[in-house]
Amino acid sequence: MASVGLHVTLLIASAIAVLPPLWLLITSFKPQSEAFSTALVKDFTLGNYDHVINDTEFVSWVGNSLLVVGLTTVIGVFISATTGYAVSRFRFPGMRPLMWLLLITQMFPVAVLIVPLYNLLASLGLLNQPIGLVVTYLTIAVPFCAWMMKGYFDTIPVEIDEAGRVDGLNPFGTFWRLIVPLAKPGLAVTGFYSFITGWAEVAYASAFMTGEENLTLAGGLQTFVNQYTSDWGSLTAAAVIVAVPAAIIFGFVQRHLVGGLTAGATKS
């Protein structure tokens, strides 16, 4: 009975989890007039996808998102990995305050930070610039990922670093040539988190970027449903397209995710 109850519970939870994306996919193939219909697709159409791709700035949004996400991922992984390695292997004045500072930055909600970040970017001339959005996304990704990478590097034996120094490698050479190849699971999680941060974030993208041609995908989706219009067919079609790259990236890194996320929970 316990096994039956467990499996029934898991089936119900799975159905609840699958229902929203399934509804999203089905609605994207419906005409606008049937968007709120509970029936399955009666009049199958690709018109929503055609409208999104050909009649909107969707291609520009994709280009903007790829630029922002690419820079966020590359820079975020590098800074997080080097920071995590530094605090894992070296002892220097201010190390503990630095780690606490990284942790404290995660306690502030996004809504509280929009105004000060807006003023900061305005003073630097970075509003409506992709690099400004990259900087704000790094403030989200780097603190969490640095903490996670620190825990992962703690599980790698220090003797490997010592062997590298004996062979004449400097600290960065040891990190790059010996430690990085062993830290692929942690780097995969860091890269995935940085990617998702830039790909799916809405608040900063909407506040710091203006003009449809400058929006990212997450910000562009808001143009379909707002106080002036409600184009649910286009919204769901665009959402399906946006979800595809994230699913592909997840498929590539998923075998590293569990190991990367749980590393550092215990020490050998």
Protein backbone atom coordinates (compact mmCIF):
# COMPACT_ATOMS: atom_id res chain seq x y z
CA MET A 1 0.00 0.00 0.00
CA ALA A 2 2.86 2.37 0.77
CA SER A 3 4.43 1.68 -2.63
CA VAL A 4 1.10 2.20 -4.40
CA GLY A 5 0.52 5.46 -2.54
CA LEU A 6 4.03 6.67 -3.39
CA HIS A 7 3.63 5.91 -7.10
CA VAL A 8 0.18 7.50 -7.25
CA THR A 9 1.54 10.63 -5.58
CA LEU A 10 4.45 10.77 -8.01
CA LEU A 11 2.12 10.32 -10.99
CA ILE A 12 -0.13 13.14 -9.78
CA ALA A 13 2.87 15.42 -9.16
CA SER A 14 4.26 14.60 -12.62
CA ALA A 15 0.91 15.38 -14.25
CA ILE A 16 0.73 18.72 -12.43
CA ALA A 17 4.29 19.55 -13.54
CA VAL A 18 3.68 18.58 -17.18
CA LEU A 19 0.28 20.27 -17.55
CA PRO A 20 1.43 23.94 -17.88
CA PRO A 21 4.05 23.36 -20.62
CA LEU A 22 1.68 20.96 -22.38
CA TRP A 23 -1.09 23.60 -22.33
CA LEU A 24 1.46 26.12 -23.63
CA LEU A 25 2.41 23.85 -26.54
CA ILE A 26 -1.21 23.03 -27.45
CA THR A 27 -2.31 26.68 -27.29
CA SER A 28 0.50 27.72 -29.62
CA PHE A 29 -1.14 25.67 -32.40
CA LYS A 30 -4.62 27.12 -31.83
CA PRO A 31 -6.16 30.14 -33.56
CA GLN A 32 -6.47 33.24 -31.41
CA SER A 33 -10.21 32.67 -31.01
CA GLU A 34 -9.63 29.27 -29.36
CA ALA A 35 -6.83 30.31 -27.02
CA PHE A 36 -8.91 29.76 -23.87
CA SER A 37 -10.70 26.67 -25.10
CA THR A 38 -10.17 23.59 -22.94
CA ALA A 39 -10.54 21.30 -25.95
CA LEU A 40 -7.56 19.97 -27.86
CA VAL A 41 -6.56 21.56 -31.15
CA LYS A 42 -9.52 21.64 -33.55
CA ASP A 43 -8.15 23.98 -36.21
CA PHE A 44 -4.42 23.26 -36.27
CA THR A 45 -2.42 26.28 -37.40
CA LEU A 46 1.18 27.46 -37.58
CA GLY A 47 0.01 31.04 -37.98
CA ASN A 48 1.16 32.01 -34.49
CA TYR A 49 4.72 30.90 -35.22
CA ASP A 50 4.67 32.60 -38.62
CA HIS A 51 3.45 35.85 -37.06
CA VAL A 52 6.08 35.76 -34.30
CA ILE A 53 9.00 35.09 -36.63
CA ASN A 54 8.03 37.27 -39.60
CA ASP A 55 5.90 40.10 -38.23
CA THR A 56 7.70 41.02 -35.00
CA GLU A 57 11.24 41.85 -33.86
CA PHE A 58 11.68 38.24 -32.72
CA VAL A 59 14.88 37.69 -34.75
CA SER A 60 16.41 40.80 -33.15
CA TRP A 61 15.37 39.55 -29.73
CA VAL A 62 17.10 36.24 -30.41
CA GLY A 63 20.29 38.01 -31.46
CA ASN A 64 20.23 40.27 -28.41
CA SER A 65 19.62 37.33 -26.09
CA LEU A 66 22.39 35.24 -27.62
CA LEU A 67 24.85 38.12 -27.23
CA VAL A 68 23.87 38.85 -23.63
CA VAL A 69 23.63 35.21 -22.59
CA GLY A 70 26.88 34.26 -24.30
CA LEU A 71 28.84 37.00 -22.55
CA THR A 72 27.11 36.32 -19.23
CA THR A 73 27.89 32.61 -19.41
CA VAL A 74 31.54 32.94 -20.45
CA ILE A 75 32.40 35.77 -18.06
CA GLY A 76 30.30 34.31 -15.24
CA VAL A 77 31.93 30.88 -15.47
CA PHE A 78 35.44 32.37 -15.56
CA ILE A 79 34.91 34.76 -12.62
CA SER A 80 33.05 32.17 -10.54
CA ALA A 81 35.65 29.47 -11.15
CA THR A 82 38.65 31.67 -10.40
CA THR A 83 36.97 33.18 -7.33
CA GLY A 84 35.94 29.76 -6.02
CA TYR A 85 39.43 28.38 -6.59
CA ALA A 86 41.07 31.35 -4.87
CA VAL A 87 38.98 31.12 -1.70
CA SER A 88 39.31 27.32 -1.69
CA ARG A 89 43.10 27.15 -1.99
CA PHE A 90 44.50 30.41 -0.63
CA ARG A 91 44.24 32.27 2.64
CA PHE A 92 44.35 36.04 2.37
CA PRO A 93 43.14 39.06 4.38
CA GLY A 94 39.44 39.72 3.81
CA MET A 95 38.63 36.22 2.55
CA ARG A 96 35.83 35.56 5.02
CA PRO A 97 34.23 39.02 4.55
CA LEU A 98 34.38 38.41 0.79
CA MET A 99 32.51 35.13 1.08
CA TRP A 100 29.96 36.67 3.42
CA LEU A 101 29.53 39.56 0.97
CA LEU A 102 28.85 37.11 -1.85
CA LEU A 103 26.27 35.36 0.31
CA ILE A 104 24.57 38.55 1.49
CA THR A 105 24.06 39.80 -2.07
CA GLN A 106 21.75 36.82 -2.65
CA MET A 107 19.40 37.97 0.10
CA PHE A 108 18.09 41.06 -1.72
CA PRO A 109 15.08 40.60 -4.02
CA VAL A 110 15.37 41.79 -7.60
CA ALA A 111 12.69 44.45 -7.13
CA VAL A 112 14.75 46.20 -4.46
CA LEU A 113 17.84 46.37 -6.67
CA ILE A 114 16.24 47.69 -9.86
CA VAL A 115 16.29 51.38 -8.87
CA PRO A 116 19.91 51.55 -7.58
CA LEU A 117 21.16 49.48 -10.52
CA TYR A 118 19.19 51.70 -12.92
CA ASN A 119 20.80 54.83 -11.46
CA LEU A 120 24.25 53.21 -11.58
CA LEU A 121 23.89 52.12 -15.20
CA ALA A 122 22.52 55.55 -16.14
CA SER A 123 25.53 57.29 -14.60
CA LEU A 124 27.85 54.97 -16.55
CA GLY A 125 25.96 55.35 -19.82
CA LEU A 126 25.10 51.65 -19.96
CA LEU A 127 21.31 51.88 -20.13
CA ASN A 128 19.85 50.24 -23.23
CA GLN A 129 23.24 48.60 -23.85
CA PRO A 130 23.80 44.81 -23.89
CA ILE A 131 26.92 45.15 -21.73
CA GLY A 132 24.87 46.86 -19.03
CA LEU A 133 22.50 43.90 -18.95
CA VAL A 134 25.46 41.51 -18.81
CA VAL A 135 26.85 43.32 -15.77
CA THR A 136 23.53 43.12 -13.92
CA TYR A 137 23.17 39.41 -14.72
CA LEU A 138 26.68 38.77 -13.41
CA THR A 139 25.63 40.28 -10.08
CA ILE A 140 23.06 37.47 -9.89
CA ALA A 141 25.07 34.54 -11.23
CA VAL A 142 28.57 35.08 -9.87
CA PRO A 143 27.90 35.13 -6.09
CA PHE A 144 25.93 31.87 -6.11
CA CYS A 145 28.24 30.13 -8.57
CA ALA A 146 31.39 31.24 -6.70
CA TRP A 147 30.06 29.67 -3.50
CA MET A 148 29.19 26.49 -5.35
CA MET A 149 32.57 26.28 -7.11
CA LYS A 150 34.36 26.85 -3.82
CA GLY A 151 32.62 23.80 -2.39
CA TYR A 152 33.47 21.78 -5.49
CA PHE A 153 37.15 22.75 -5.44
CA ASP A 154 37.28 21.74 -1.77
CA THR A 155 36.61 18.15 -2.87
CA ILE A 156 39.63 18.10 -5.23
CA PRO A 157 42.78 16.96 -3.37
CA VAL A 158 45.29 19.71 -2.65
CA GLU A 159 48.06 17.25 -3.57
CA ILE A 160 47.22 17.86 -7.23
CA ASP A 161 48.09 21.55 -6.81
CA GLU A 162 51.30 20.64 -5.03
CA ALA A 163 52.26 18.28 -7.85
CA GLY A 164 51.68 21.08 -10.35
CA ARG A 165 53.89 23.48 -8.44
CA VAL A 166 56.62 20.83 -8.24
CA ASP A 167 56.44 20.55 -12.03
CA GLY A 168 56.97 24.31 -12.32
CA LEU A 169 53.42 25.55 -12.89
CA ASN A 170 52.36 28.89 -11.45
CA PRO A 171 49.04 29.11 -9.53
CA PHE A 172 47.01 30.02 -12.63
CA GLY A 173 48.72 27.32 -14.68
CA THR A 174 47.88 24.78 -11.99
CA PHE A 175 44.28 25.95 -11.97
CA TRP A 176 43.90 26.00 -15.76
CA ARG A 177 45.77 22.82 -16.70
CA LEU A 178 45.12 20.53 -13.74
CA ILE A 179 42.06 21.66 -11.77
CA VAL A 180 39.70 22.86 -14.52
CA PRO A 181 39.63 19.46 -16.31
CA LEU A 182 38.66 17.83 -13.01
CA ALA A 183 35.94 20.40 -12.30
CA LYS A 184 33.79 19.83 -15.40
CA PRO A 185 30.62 18.91 -13.42
CA GLY A 186 30.87 22.08 -11.35
CA LEU A 187 31.63 24.18 -14.41
CA ALA A 188 28.65 22.65 -16.21
CA VAL A 189 26.31 23.69 -13.41
CA THR A 190 27.87 27.16 -13.30
CA GLY A 191 27.48 27.56 -17.04
CA PHE A 192 23.90 26.30 -16.99
CA TYR A 193 22.92 28.61 -14.12
CA SER A 194 24.56 31.61 -15.85
CA PHE A 195 22.79 30.70 -19.09
CA ILE A 196 19.37 30.41 -17.47
CA THR A 197 19.95 33.66 -15.56
CA GLY A 198 20.40 35.60 -18.77
CA TRP A 199 17.97 33.63 -20.93
CA ALA A 200 14.89 33.74 -18.70
CA GLU A 201 15.30 36.94 -16.65
CA VAL A 202 12.52 39.49 -17.21
CA ALA A 203 12.69 42.29 -14.61
CA TYR A 204 16.10 43.73 -15.51
CA ALA A 205 15.59 43.13 -19.24
CA SER A 206 12.36 45.14 -19.16
CA ALA A 207 13.67 47.94 -16.93
CA PHE A 208 17.06 48.55 -18.53
CA MET A 209 16.25 48.01 -22.24
CA THR A 210 13.80 50.12 -24.26
CA GLY A 211 12.67 49.94 -27.86
CA GLU A 212 11.44 46.64 -29.30
CA GLU A 213 14.58 46.15 -31.38
CA ASN A 214 16.75 46.28 -28.23
CA LEU A 215 14.76 43.83 -26.12
CA THR A 216 15.87 40.32 -25.23
CA LEU A 217 13.55 37.35 -25.64
CA ALA A 218 12.26 37.51 -22.07
CA GLY A 219 11.48 41.20 -22.41
CA GLY A 220 10.01 40.74 -25.87
CA LEU A 221 7.46 38.22 -24.66
CA GLN A 222 5.82 40.94 -22.59
CA THR A 223 4.90 42.87 -25.73
CA PHE A 224 2.36 40.20 -26.70
CA VAL A 225 0.28 40.44 -23.54
CA ASN A 226 0.10 43.78 -21.73
CA GLN A 227 -2.42 46.44 -20.75
CA TYR A 228 -3.05 47.27 -24.41
CA THR A 229 -3.20 43.88 -26.13
CA SER A 230 -3.63 40.18 -25.38
CA ASP A 231 -2.17 38.02 -28.14
CA TRP A 232 -2.02 34.70 -26.31
CA GLY A 233 -1.37 32.67 -29.46
CA SER A 234 1.79 34.62 -30.27
CA LEU A 235 2.88 34.59 -26.65
CA THR A 236 2.64 30.82 -26.36
CA ALA A 237 4.35 30.27 -29.72
CA ALA A 238 7.23 32.54 -28.74
CA ALA A 239 7.46 30.86 -25.33
CA VAL A 240 7.77 27.44 -26.97
CA ILE A 241 10.58 28.70 -29.22
CA VAL A 242 12.35 30.27 -26.24
CA ALA A 243 12.14 27.01 -24.27
CA VAL A 244 13.86 24.94 -26.98
CA PRO A 245 17.45 26.25 -26.49
CA ALA A 246 17.17 25.86 -22.71
CA ALA A 247 15.99 22.26 -23.15
CA ILE A 248 18.89 21.53 -25.53
CA ILE A 249 21.47 23.01 -23.15
CA PHE A 250 19.94 21.05 -20.27
CA GLY A 251 20.21 17.86 -22.32
CA PHE A 252 23.92 18.42 -22.86
CA VAL A 253 24.81 19.21 -19.24
CA GLN A 254 22.26 17.14 -17.31
CA ARG A 255 24.68 14.27 -16.61
CA HIS A 256 26.94 16.77 -14.83
CA LEU A 257 24.22 18.61 -12.93
CA VAL A 258 23.68 16.19 -10.05
CA GLY A 259 27.38 15.73 -9.42
CA GLY A 260 28.06 19.44 -9.68
CA LEU A 261 25.22 20.47 -7.39
CA THR A 262 25.95 17.89 -4.69
CA ALA A 263 29.74 18.29 -4.72
CA GLY A 264 30.96 19.97 -1.59
CA ALA A 265 28.09 18.69 0.53
CA THR A 266 30.54 16.26 2.12
CA LYS A 267 34.30 16.10 2.20
CA SER A 268 36.33 12.97 1.71
